[in-house]
Amino acid sequence: MPWREVLWALRRMEARGTVSGGRFVTGFSGEQFAHPDAVSMLRDIAKRPRAGEIIELSAADPLNLTGIVLPGPRIPAVTTHFVSFTDGAVTPAGVSRTG
């Protein structure tokens, strides 16, 4: 499906109030759309103090968007690699390992 059709549908949903449009997440260009509840959750999370929370997930996980949507080099989707996030940001050093 062409992006213009998706955008048209999202703008109609925004006019109906079922999604919100705007720029919610810094560092990403272009229009962003989200469920209205998600917008308030994003704002609440942005206000929280950073606690150094580390989350690791397999590089084979569909949320491995490093080098695609997230900044930094692409981490290959191999089950022996992992992606590490500190407070929601990709950890710049040691983001992949083998073994």
N, C-alpha and C. Protein backbone atom coordinates (compact mmCIF):
# COMPACT_ATOMS: atom_id res chain seq x y z
N MET A 1 0.85 -1.17 0.00
CA MET A 1 0.00 0.00 0.00
C MET A 1 0.90 1.24 0.00
N PRO A 2 0.65 2.18 -0.86
CA PRO A 2 1.47 3.39 -0.90
C PRO A 2 1.32 4.23 0.38
N TRP A 3 2.43 4.86 0.78
CA TRP A 3 2.43 5.67 1.99
C TRP A 3 1.38 6.77 1.93
N ARG A 4 1.16 7.36 0.76
CA ARG A 4 0.19 8.46 0.66
C ARG A 4 -1.20 8.01 1.08
N GLU A 5 -1.55 6.75 0.81
CA GLU A 5 -2.86 6.23 1.22
C GLU A 5 -2.92 6.01 2.73
N VAL A 6 -1.82 5.54 3.30
CA VAL A 6 -1.75 5.36 4.75
C VAL A 6 -1.86 6.73 5.43
N LEU A 7 -1.13 7.70 4.91
CA LEU A 7 -1.16 9.05 5.46
C LEU A 7 -2.56 9.65 5.36
N TRP A 8 -3.23 9.45 4.24
CA TRP A 8 -4.59 9.94 4.06
C TRP A 8 -5.51 9.33 5.12
N ALA A 9 -5.38 8.02 5.36
CA ALA A 9 -6.21 7.35 6.36
C ALA A 9 -5.90 7.86 7.77
N LEU A 10 -4.63 8.05 8.07
CA LEU A 10 -4.25 8.55 9.40
C LEU A 10 -4.77 9.98 9.62
N ARG A 11 -4.71 10.80 8.60
CA ARG A 11 -5.22 12.17 8.75
C ARG A 11 -6.74 12.18 8.94
N ARG A 12 -7.45 11.26 8.28
CA ARG A 12 -8.90 11.15 8.51
C ARG A 12 -9.18 10.68 9.94
N MET A 13 -8.38 9.73 10.42
CA MET A 13 -8.54 9.25 11.80
C MET A 13 -8.25 10.36 12.80
N GLU A 14 -7.26 11.19 12.47
CA GLU A 14 -6.95 12.33 13.33
C GLU A 14 -8.13 13.31 13.37
N ALA A 15 -8.76 13.55 12.23
CA ALA A 15 -9.91 14.45 12.17
C ALA A 15 -11.08 13.90 12.99
N ARG A 16 -11.21 12.58 13.06
CA ARG A 16 -12.26 11.94 13.86
C ARG A 16 -11.90 11.86 15.34
N GLY A 17 -10.61 12.08 15.66
CA GLY A 17 -10.18 12.02 17.06
C GLY A 17 -9.76 10.65 17.54
N THR A 18 -9.61 9.69 16.61
CA THR A 18 -9.20 8.34 17.03
C THR A 18 -7.69 8.20 17.13
N VAL A 19 -6.93 9.08 16.49
CA VAL A 19 -5.48 9.14 16.65
C VAL A 19 -5.08 10.61 16.79
N SER A 20 -3.90 10.82 17.35
CA SER A 20 -3.36 12.18 17.45
C SER A 20 -2.17 12.31 16.52
N GLY A 21 -2.07 13.45 15.87
CA GLY A 21 -0.95 13.71 14.98
C GLY A 21 -0.08 14.80 15.56
N GLY A 22 1.20 14.76 15.23
CA GLY A 22 2.11 15.79 15.72
C GLY A 22 3.54 15.30 15.67
N ARG A 23 4.35 15.84 16.54
CA ARG A 23 5.75 15.45 16.68
C ARG A 23 5.97 15.13 18.14
N PHE A 24 5.86 13.85 18.49
CA PHE A 24 5.87 13.42 19.89
C PHE A 24 7.25 12.99 20.36
N VAL A 25 8.02 12.40 19.47
CA VAL A 25 9.32 11.85 19.84
C VAL A 25 10.39 12.64 19.12
N THR A 26 11.29 13.29 19.88
CA THR A 26 12.35 14.06 19.26
C THR A 26 13.36 13.12 18.59
N GLY A 27 13.99 13.63 17.57
CA GLY A 27 14.99 12.84 16.85
C GLY A 27 14.44 12.11 15.65
N PHE A 28 13.13 12.14 15.46
CA PHE A 28 12.50 11.51 14.31
C PHE A 28 11.84 12.59 13.48
N SER A 29 12.08 12.58 12.20
CA SER A 29 11.51 13.61 11.34
C SER A 29 10.14 13.20 10.83
N GLY A 30 9.41 14.18 10.35
CA GLY A 30 8.12 13.91 9.75
C GLY A 30 6.98 13.83 10.75
N GLU A 31 5.78 13.70 10.20
CA GLU A 31 4.60 13.59 11.04
C GLU A 31 4.62 12.28 11.80
N GLN A 32 4.08 12.32 13.01
CA GLN A 32 3.95 11.12 13.82
C GLN A 32 2.50 11.00 14.24
N PHE A 33 2.03 9.78 14.33
CA PHE A 33 0.66 9.53 14.74
C PHE A 33 0.67 8.52 15.87
N ALA A 34 -0.23 8.71 16.83
CA ALA A 34 -0.29 7.81 17.97
C ALA A 34 -1.70 7.80 18.53
N HIS A 35 -2.01 6.74 19.24
CA HIS A 35 -3.28 6.67 19.96
C HIS A 35 -3.26 7.77 21.02
N PRO A 36 -4.37 8.45 21.27
CA PRO A 36 -4.37 9.53 22.26
C PRO A 36 -3.84 9.12 23.64
N ASP A 37 -4.12 7.90 24.07
CA ASP A 37 -3.59 7.44 25.36
C ASP A 37 -2.07 7.31 25.32
N ALA A 38 -1.54 6.91 24.17
CA ALA A 38 -0.09 6.76 24.04
C ALA A 38 0.61 8.11 24.14
N VAL A 39 -0.03 9.17 23.66
CA VAL A 39 0.57 10.50 23.72
C VAL A 39 0.77 10.91 25.18
N SER A 40 -0.24 10.73 26.00
CA SER A 40 -0.11 11.10 27.42
C SER A 40 0.93 10.21 28.11
N MET A 41 1.01 8.93 27.74
CA MET A 41 2.02 8.05 28.33
C MET A 41 3.42 8.49 27.93
N LEU A 42 3.61 8.88 26.66
CA LEU A 42 4.92 9.36 26.22
C LEU A 42 5.33 10.61 27.00
N ARG A 43 4.39 11.52 27.21
CA ARG A 43 4.70 12.74 27.97
C ARG A 43 5.06 12.42 29.41
N ASP A 44 4.36 11.48 30.03
CA ASP A 44 4.68 11.08 31.40
C ASP A 44 6.06 10.46 31.49
N ILE A 45 6.39 9.62 30.52
CA ILE A 45 7.70 8.97 30.52
C ILE A 45 8.81 10.00 30.32
N ALA A 46 8.58 10.99 29.48
CA ALA A 46 9.59 12.01 29.22
C ALA A 46 9.88 12.83 30.47
N LYS A 47 8.93 12.95 31.38
CA LYS A 47 9.11 13.73 32.60
C LYS A 47 9.82 12.95 33.71
N ARG A 48 9.88 11.63 33.59
CA ARG A 48 10.52 10.81 34.63
C ARG A 48 12.03 11.05 34.66
N PRO A 49 12.61 11.03 35.86
CA PRO A 49 14.07 11.12 35.92
C PRO A 49 14.71 9.83 35.40
N ARG A 50 15.86 9.96 34.78
CA ARG A 50 16.56 8.80 34.24
C ARG A 50 17.12 7.97 35.40
N ALA A 51 16.87 6.66 35.35
CA ALA A 51 17.29 5.77 36.43
C ALA A 51 18.38 4.80 36.00
N GLY A 52 18.83 4.89 34.76
CA GLY A 52 19.86 3.98 34.27
C GLY A 52 19.33 2.58 33.99
N GLU A 53 18.03 2.46 33.75
CA GLU A 53 17.41 1.16 33.47
C GLU A 53 17.96 0.59 32.17
N ILE A 54 18.43 -0.65 32.23
CA ILE A 54 19.00 -1.31 31.06
C ILE A 54 18.07 -2.44 30.63
N ILE A 55 17.76 -2.46 29.35
CA ILE A 55 16.93 -3.52 28.77
C ILE A 55 17.72 -4.11 27.62
N GLU A 56 17.81 -5.43 27.60
CA GLU A 56 18.47 -6.13 26.50
C GLU A 56 17.45 -7.00 25.79
N LEU A 57 17.55 -7.00 24.47
CA LEU A 57 16.69 -7.89 23.70
C LEU A 57 17.49 -8.51 22.58
N SER A 58 17.02 -9.63 22.11
CA SER A 58 17.70 -10.34 21.03
C SER A 58 17.71 -9.47 19.78
N ALA A 59 18.82 -9.50 19.07
CA ALA A 59 18.90 -8.75 17.82
C ALA A 59 17.94 -9.33 16.77
N ALA A 60 17.46 -10.55 16.97
CA ALA A 60 16.50 -11.16 16.07
C ALA A 60 15.08 -10.69 16.36
N ASP A 61 14.87 -9.93 17.44
CA ASP A 61 13.55 -9.41 17.80
C ASP A 61 13.11 -8.37 16.79
N PRO A 62 11.83 -8.33 16.43
CA PRO A 62 11.35 -7.31 15.48
C PRO A 62 11.56 -5.88 15.97
N LEU A 63 11.77 -5.67 17.27
CA LEU A 63 12.02 -4.32 17.79
C LEU A 63 13.46 -3.87 17.58
N ASN A 64 14.28 -4.70 16.98
CA ASN A 64 15.65 -4.30 16.66
C ASN A 64 15.59 -3.36 15.46
N LEU A 65 15.44 -2.08 15.73
CA LEU A 65 15.36 -1.07 14.68
C LEU A 65 16.61 -0.21 14.61
N THR A 66 17.71 -0.69 15.21
CA THR A 66 18.96 0.06 15.17
C THR A 66 19.45 0.15 13.74
N GLY A 67 19.89 1.33 13.36
CA GLY A 67 20.37 1.55 12.01
C GLY A 67 19.27 1.71 10.98
N ILE A 68 18.01 1.53 11.40
CA ILE A 68 16.86 1.70 10.51
C ILE A 68 16.09 2.94 10.95
N VAL A 69 15.51 2.86 12.12
CA VAL A 69 14.78 3.98 12.70
C VAL A 69 15.60 4.64 13.80
N LEU A 70 16.30 3.82 14.57
CA LEU A 70 17.14 4.33 15.66
C LEU A 70 18.53 4.66 15.14
N PRO A 71 19.19 5.66 15.75
CA PRO A 71 20.54 6.01 15.29
C PRO A 71 21.55 4.91 15.62
N GLY A 72 22.63 4.93 14.87
CA GLY A 72 23.71 3.98 15.12
C GLY A 72 23.80 2.95 14.01
N PRO A 73 24.82 2.10 14.11
CA PRO A 73 24.99 1.08 13.07
C PRO A 73 23.93 -0.01 13.19
N ARG A 74 23.64 -0.65 12.09
CA ARG A 74 22.68 -1.75 12.07
C ARG A 74 23.27 -2.94 12.80
N ILE A 75 22.49 -3.54 13.70
CA ILE A 75 22.92 -4.75 14.40
C ILE A 75 22.22 -5.92 13.71
N PRO A 76 22.99 -6.84 13.12
CA PRO A 76 22.38 -7.94 12.36
C PRO A 76 21.40 -8.74 13.21
N ALA A 77 20.31 -9.17 12.60
CA ALA A 77 19.27 -9.94 13.28
C ALA A 77 19.70 -11.40 13.40
N VAL A 78 20.68 -11.61 14.27
CA VAL A 78 21.23 -12.94 14.52
C VAL A 78 20.93 -13.28 15.98
N THR A 79 20.50 -14.52 16.25
CA THR A 79 20.09 -14.87 17.61
C THR A 79 21.23 -14.80 18.63
N THR A 80 22.47 -14.82 18.19
CA THR A 80 23.59 -14.72 19.14
C THR A 80 23.97 -13.29 19.45
N HIS A 81 23.33 -12.31 18.81
CA HIS A 81 23.57 -10.89 19.09
C HIS A 81 22.44 -10.34 19.94
N PHE A 82 22.72 -9.25 20.65
CA PHE A 82 21.68 -8.58 21.41
C PHE A 82 21.80 -7.09 21.23
N VAL A 83 20.73 -6.38 21.55
CA VAL A 83 20.69 -4.92 21.52
C VAL A 83 20.43 -4.47 22.94
N SER A 84 21.22 -3.52 23.41
CA SER A 84 21.09 -3.02 24.76
C SER A 84 20.61 -1.57 24.74
N PHE A 85 19.61 -1.27 25.56
CA PHE A 85 19.06 0.08 25.69
C PHE A 85 19.25 0.53 27.13
N THR A 86 19.72 1.76 27.32
CA THR A 86 19.81 2.37 28.64
C THR A 86 18.88 3.56 28.66
N ASP A 87 17.88 3.50 29.53
CA ASP A 87 16.84 4.54 29.59
C ASP A 87 16.21 4.80 28.23
N GLY A 88 16.03 3.75 27.45
CA GLY A 88 15.35 3.85 26.16
C GLY A 88 16.24 4.20 24.98
N ALA A 89 17.50 4.53 25.22
CA ALA A 89 18.42 4.87 24.14
C ALA A 89 19.36 3.70 23.89
N VAL A 90 19.71 3.48 22.64
CA VAL A 90 20.64 2.39 22.31
C VAL A 90 21.97 2.67 22.99
N THR A 91 22.49 1.67 23.69
CA THR A 91 23.79 1.80 24.35
C THR A 91 24.86 1.85 23.26
N PRO A 92 25.66 2.91 23.22
CA PRO A 92 26.60 3.08 22.10
C PRO A 92 27.73 2.06 22.03
N ALA A 93 28.19 1.56 23.15
CA ALA A 93 29.30 0.62 23.15
C ALA A 93 28.82 -0.75 23.62
N GLY A 94 29.32 -1.81 23.00
CA GLY A 94 28.98 -3.15 23.42
C GLY A 94 27.54 -3.53 23.10
N VAL A 95 27.05 -3.11 21.95
CA VAL A 95 25.65 -3.37 21.61
C VAL A 95 25.44 -4.75 20.99
N SER A 96 26.50 -5.45 20.69
CA SER A 96 26.30 -6.81 20.16
C SER A 96 27.37 -7.72 20.72
N ARG A 97 27.03 -8.97 20.84
CA ARG A 97 28.00 -9.94 21.34
C ARG A 97 27.70 -11.29 20.69
N THR A 98 28.64 -12.18 20.75
CA THR A 98 28.42 -13.53 20.26
C THR A 98 28.65 -14.48 21.40
N GLY A 99 28.10 -15.67 21.28
CA GLY A 99 28.30 -16.69 22.30
C GLY A 99 27.13 -16.81 23.09
